[in-house]
Amino acid sequence: MSSILKIKQKLYDACFQFIENRLITVQKTINEIQESLTSETKSSAGDKHETGRAMLQLEREKAGNQLAEIMKVKEAFSKIDISKTNKTVGLGSVVYTSQNNYFIAISAGQLAIDKDIFYAISPNTPIGKLLVGKTIKETFLFRDIEVLIEEVV
């Protein structure tokens, strides 16, 4: 396996772990809310009880929406084929620029791979939109700084 493909695999694995961690956190929250709703039913009475239940129901709904969003991200992420290399920046590309290194996948923030720093970004982010469709040696303006694309893998 080439060193570039190893880096791509490590970036992919880090993003996968990021999604899994978010999924576990939200599922844990949903379970805790469910337990609170169950115990709330057994203990309280009156207006205070109804307010507490309503708040928990809202929290559960919010957590449910977060879960749905994570599942959408996971679904889109599963379509990335890191074995494919293109000369044009797209989903799954590793992009080296004169400013930063990027992995076009999901918004997972800064990732340290070996001794390099990469930013895992979604193609929908402002910088992602500027990168997608570009090729090596092209430049673009981001925050009033001209950025050169040095390599696309």
C-alpha atoms as a PDB file:
ATOM      1  CA  MET A   1       0.000   0.000   0.000  1.00  0.00           C
ATOM      2  CA  SER A   2       1.413   3.385  -0.982  1.00  0.00           C
ATOM      3  CA  SER A   3       2.108   5.950   1.726  1.00  0.00           C
ATOM      4  CA  ILE A   4      -0.568   8.264   0.275  1.00  0.00           C
ATOM      5  CA  LEU A   5      -3.143   5.473   0.420  1.00  0.00           C
ATOM      6  CA  LYS A   6      -2.087   4.755   4.024  1.00  0.00           C
ATOM      7  CA  ILE A   7      -2.671   8.410   4.912  1.00  0.00           C
ATOM      8  CA  LYS A   8      -6.053   8.311   3.172  1.00  0.00           C
ATOM      9  CA  GLN A   9      -6.963   5.152   5.109  1.00  0.00           C
ATOM     10  CA  LYS A  10      -5.938   6.744   8.410  1.00  0.00           C
ATOM     11  CA  LEU A  11      -7.996   9.859   7.627  1.00  0.00           C
ATOM     12  CA  TYR A  12     -10.960   7.695   6.683  1.00  0.00           C
ATOM     13  CA  ASP A  13     -10.611   5.661   9.900  1.00  0.00           C
ATOM     14  CA  ALA A  14     -10.357   8.838  12.025  1.00  0.00           C
ATOM     15  CA  CYS A  15     -13.537  10.235  10.434  1.00  0.00           C
ATOM     16  CA  PHE A  16     -15.309   6.899  10.887  1.00  0.00           C
ATOM     17  CA  GLN A  17     -14.344   6.924  14.584  1.00  0.00           C
ATOM     18  CA  PHE A  18     -15.557  10.531  14.874  1.00  0.00           C
ATOM     19  CA  ILE A  19     -18.988   9.480  13.543  1.00  0.00           C
ATOM     20  CA  GLU A  20     -19.119   6.409  15.795  1.00  0.00           C
ATOM     21  CA  ASN A  21     -18.255   8.486  18.894  1.00  0.00           C
ATOM     22  CA  ARG A  22     -20.992  11.018  18.089  1.00  0.00           C
ATOM     23  CA  LEU A  23     -23.438   8.160  17.533  1.00  0.00           C
ATOM     24  CA  ILE A  24     -22.593   6.552  20.884  1.00  0.00           C
ATOM     25  CA  THR A  25     -22.920   9.899  22.700  1.00  0.00           C
ATOM     26  CA  VAL A  26     -26.345  10.654  21.220  1.00  0.00           C
ATOM     27  CA  GLN A  27     -27.630   7.116  21.822  1.00  0.00           C
ATOM     28  CA  LYS A  28     -26.458   7.346  25.442  1.00  0.00           C
ATOM     29  CA  THR A  29     -28.296  10.669  25.809  1.00  0.00           C
ATOM     30  CA  ILE A  30     -31.479   9.168  24.357  1.00  0.00           C
ATOM     31  CA  ASN A  31     -31.248   6.226  26.775  1.00  0.00           C
ATOM     32  CA  GLU A  32     -30.728   8.561  29.753  1.00  0.00           C
ATOM     33  CA  ILE A  33     -33.710  10.697  28.735  1.00  0.00           C
ATOM     34  CA  GLN A  34     -35.823   7.563  28.326  1.00  0.00           C
ATOM     35  CA  GLU A  35     -34.829   6.406  31.813  1.00  0.00           C
ATOM     36  CA  SER A  36     -35.656   9.850  33.226  1.00  0.00           C
ATOM     37  CA  LEU A  37     -39.051   9.788  31.522  1.00  0.00           C
ATOM     38  CA  THR A  38     -39.760   6.363  32.987  1.00  0.00           C
ATOM     39  CA  SER A  39     -38.744   7.385  36.527  1.00  0.00           C
ATOM     40  CA  GLU A  40     -40.566  10.724  36.148  1.00  0.00           C
ATOM     41  CA  THR A  41     -43.778   8.757  35.541  1.00  0.00           C
ATOM     42  CA  LYS A  42     -43.320   6.785  38.741  1.00  0.00           C
ATOM     43  CA  SER A  43     -42.494   9.620  41.115  1.00  0.00           C
ATOM     44  CA  SER A  44     -43.927  13.114  40.582  1.00  0.00           C
ATOM     45  CA  ALA A  45     -47.440  14.493  40.438  1.00  0.00           C
ATOM     46  CA  GLY A  46     -49.063  17.784  39.417  1.00  0.00           C
ATOM     47  CA  ASP A  47     -47.880  20.690  37.258  1.00  0.00           C
ATOM     48  CA  LYS A  48     -44.218  20.235  38.140  1.00  0.00           C
ATOM     49  CA  HIS A  49     -44.481  16.660  36.873  1.00  0.00           C
ATOM     50  CA  GLU A  50     -46.015  17.767  33.552  1.00  0.00           C
ATOM     51  CA  THR A  51     -43.360  20.460  33.030  1.00  0.00           C
ATOM     52  CA  GLY A  52     -40.578  17.975  33.750  1.00  0.00           C
ATOM     53  CA  ARG A  53     -42.046  15.464  31.301  1.00  0.00           C
ATOM     54  CA  ALA A  54     -42.477  18.140  28.622  1.00  0.00           C
ATOM     55  CA  MET A  55     -38.844  19.217  29.014  1.00  0.00           C
ATOM     56  CA  LEU A  56     -37.669  15.624  28.755  1.00  0.00           C
ATOM     57  CA  GLN A  57     -39.836  15.060  25.674  1.00  0.00           C
ATOM     58  CA  LEU A  58     -38.231  18.127  24.037  1.00  0.00           C
ATOM     59  CA  GLU A  59     -34.759  16.846  24.910  1.00  0.00           C
ATOM     60  CA  ARG A  60     -35.625  13.449  23.475  1.00  0.00           C
ATOM     61  CA  GLU A  61     -36.870  15.067  20.256  1.00  0.00           C
ATOM     62  CA  LYS A  62     -33.684  17.135  19.974  1.00  0.00           C
ATOM     63  CA  ALA A  63     -31.532  14.031  20.533  1.00  0.00           C
ATOM     64  CA  GLY A  64     -33.636  12.159  17.961  1.00  0.00           C
ATOM     65  CA  ASN A  65     -32.952  14.900  15.405  1.00  0.00           C
ATOM     66  CA  GLN A  66     -29.230  14.716  16.184  1.00  0.00           C
ATOM     67  CA  LEU A  67     -29.350  10.949  15.722  1.00  0.00           C
ATOM     68  CA  ALA A  68     -31.083  11.333  12.341  1.00  0.00           C
ATOM     69  CA  GLU A  69     -28.445  13.866  11.255  1.00  0.00           C
ATOM     70  CA  ILE A  70     -25.579  11.577  12.299  1.00  0.00           C
ATOM     71  CA  MET A  71     -27.180   8.686  10.411  1.00  0.00           C
ATOM     72  CA  LYS A  72     -27.358  10.879   7.263  1.00  0.00           C
ATOM     73  CA  VAL A  73     -23.678  11.781   7.664  1.00  0.00           C
ATOM     74  CA  LYS A  74     -22.790   8.111   8.196  1.00  0.00           C
ATOM     75  CA  GLU A  75     -24.733   7.125   5.074  1.00  0.00           C
ATOM     76  CA  ALA A  76     -22.974   9.754   2.927  1.00  0.00           C
ATOM     77  CA  PHE A  77     -19.611   8.830   4.443  1.00  0.00           C
ATOM     78  CA  SER A  78     -20.103   5.145   3.602  1.00  0.00           C
ATOM     79  CA  LYS A  79     -20.154   6.072  -0.105  1.00  0.00           C
ATOM     80  CA  ILE A  80     -16.562   7.338  -0.040  1.00  0.00           C
ATOM     81  CA  ASP A  81     -14.166   5.105  -1.954  1.00  0.00           C
ATOM     82  CA  ILE A  82     -10.657   5.956  -0.756  1.00  0.00           C
ATOM     83  CA  SER A  83      -9.018   3.609  -3.269  1.00  0.00           C
ATOM     84  CA  LYS A  84     -10.115   5.959  -6.066  1.00  0.00           C
ATOM     85  CA  THR A  85      -7.754   8.763  -6.950  1.00  0.00           C
ATOM     86  CA  ASN A  86      -8.794  11.664  -9.141  1.00  0.00           C
ATOM     87  CA  LYS A  87      -6.953  14.658 -10.460  1.00  0.00           C
ATOM     88  CA  THR A  88     -10.022  16.736  -9.587  1.00  0.00           C
ATOM     89  CA  VAL A  89     -10.980  17.472  -5.970  1.00  0.00           C
ATOM     90  CA  GLY A  90     -14.105  15.605  -4.890  1.00  0.00           C
ATOM     91  CA  LEU A  91     -15.553  13.506  -2.072  1.00  0.00           C
ATOM     92  CA  GLY A  92     -12.780  11.336  -0.613  1.00  0.00           C
ATOM     93  CA  SER A  93      -9.932  13.485  -1.951  1.00  0.00           C
ATOM     94  CA  VAL A  94      -6.876  14.375   0.080  1.00  0.00           C
ATOM     95  CA  VAL A  95      -5.815  17.880  -0.924  1.00  0.00           C
ATOM     96  CA  TYR A  96      -2.463  19.480  -0.156  1.00  0.00           C
ATOM     97  CA  THR A  97      -2.478  23.267  -0.506  1.00  0.00           C
ATOM     98  CA  SER A  98      -0.025  26.068   0.145  1.00  0.00           C
ATOM     99  CA  GLN A  99      -1.952  26.782   3.371  1.00  0.00           C
ATOM    100  CA  ASN A 100      -3.412  23.547   4.802  1.00  0.00           C
ATOM    101  CA  ASN A 101      -4.091  19.905   4.017  1.00  0.00           C
ATOM    102  CA  TYR A 102      -7.683  18.717   3.632  1.00  0.00           C
ATOM    103  CA  PHE A 103      -9.639  15.490   3.524  1.00  0.00           C
ATOM    104  CA  ILE A 104     -12.933  16.042   1.718  1.00  0.00           C
ATOM    105  CA  ALA A 105     -15.377  13.838   3.600  1.00  0.00           C
ATOM    106  CA  ILE A 106     -17.206  15.062   6.719  1.00  0.00           C
ATOM    107  CA  SER A 107     -16.710  17.987   9.048  1.00  0.00           C
ATOM    108  CA  ALA A 108     -14.589  16.332  11.741  1.00  0.00           C
ATOM    109  CA  GLY A 109     -12.116  19.124  12.403  1.00  0.00           C
ATOM    110  CA  GLN A 110      -8.367  18.866  12.715  1.00  0.00           C
ATOM    111  CA  LEU A 111      -6.754  15.421  12.441  1.00  0.00           C
ATOM    112  CA  ALA A 112      -3.093  14.616  13.072  1.00  0.00           C
ATOM    113  CA  ILE A 113      -1.912  11.824  10.786  1.00  0.00           C
ATOM    114  CA  ASP A 114       1.697  10.780  11.201  1.00  0.00           C
ATOM    115  CA  LYS A 115       3.413  14.161  11.436  1.00  0.00           C
ATOM    116  CA  ASP A 116       0.959  16.059   9.248  1.00  0.00           C
ATOM    117  CA  ILE A 117      -2.161  18.021  10.137  1.00  0.00           C
ATOM    118  CA  PHE A 118      -5.269  17.618   7.997  1.00  0.00           C
ATOM    119  CA  TYR A 119      -8.667  19.232   8.210  1.00  0.00           C
ATOM    120  CA  ALA A 120     -11.538  16.844   7.588  1.00  0.00           C
ATOM    121  CA  ILE A 121     -14.168  18.976   5.883  1.00  0.00           C
ATOM    122  CA  SER A 122     -17.497  18.453   4.211  1.00  0.00           C
ATOM    123  CA  PRO A 123     -17.789  19.441   0.546  1.00  0.00           C
ATOM    124  CA  ASN A 124     -20.604  21.802   1.700  1.00  0.00           C
ATOM    125  CA  THR A 125     -18.343  23.955   3.887  1.00  0.00           C
ATOM    126  CA  PRO A 126     -17.120  27.299   2.509  1.00  0.00           C
ATOM    127  CA  ILE A 127     -13.581  25.959   1.900  1.00  0.00           C
ATOM    128  CA  GLY A 128     -15.003  22.658   0.618  1.00  0.00           C
ATOM    129  CA  LYS A 129     -17.078  24.491  -1.994  1.00  0.00           C
ATOM    130  CA  LEU A 130     -13.968  26.360  -3.144  1.00  0.00           C
ATOM    131  CA  LEU A 131     -11.930  23.143  -3.414  1.00  0.00           C
ATOM    132  CA  VAL A 132     -14.389  20.776  -5.111  1.00  0.00           C
ATOM    133  CA  GLY A 133     -13.847  20.631  -8.871  1.00  0.00           C
ATOM    134  CA  LYS A 134     -10.366  22.177  -8.724  1.00  0.00           C
ATOM    135  CA  THR A 135      -7.153  20.478  -9.885  1.00  0.00           C
ATOM    136  CA  ILE A 136      -3.417  20.661  -9.141  1.00  0.00           C
ATOM    137  CA  LYS A 137      -1.800  24.084  -9.687  1.00  0.00           C
ATOM    138  CA  GLU A 138      -5.150  25.907  -9.517  1.00  0.00           C
ATOM    139  CA  THR A 139      -5.523  28.740  -7.038  1.00  0.00           C
ATOM    140  CA  PHE A 140      -8.490  30.185  -5.174  1.00  0.00           C
ATOM    141  CA  LEU A 141      -9.071  33.003  -2.742  1.00  0.00           C
ATOM    142  CA  PHE A 142     -10.038  32.138   0.840  1.00  0.00           C
ATOM    143  CA  ARG A 143     -10.276  34.877   3.471  1.00  0.00           C
ATOM    144  CA  ASP A 144      -8.345  37.216   1.166  1.00  0.00           C
ATOM    145  CA  ILE A 145      -5.449  34.748   0.895  1.00  0.00           C
ATOM    146  CA  GLU A 146      -4.519  33.154  -2.409  1.00  0.00           C
ATOM    147  CA  VAL A 147      -4.242  29.390  -1.924  1.00  0.00           C
ATOM    148  CA  LEU A 148      -2.457  27.072  -4.366  1.00  0.00           C
ATOM    149  CA  ILE A 149      -3.522  23.439  -4.739  1.00  0.00           C
ATOM    150  CA  GLU A 150      -0.247  21.517  -4.678  1.00  0.00           C
ATOM    151  CA  GLU A 151      -1.487  17.937  -4.803  1.00  0.00           C
ATOM    152  CA  VAL A 152      -4.783  16.021  -5.107  1.00  0.00           C
ATOM    153  CA  VAL A 153      -4.951  12.359  -4.190  1.00  0.00           C
END
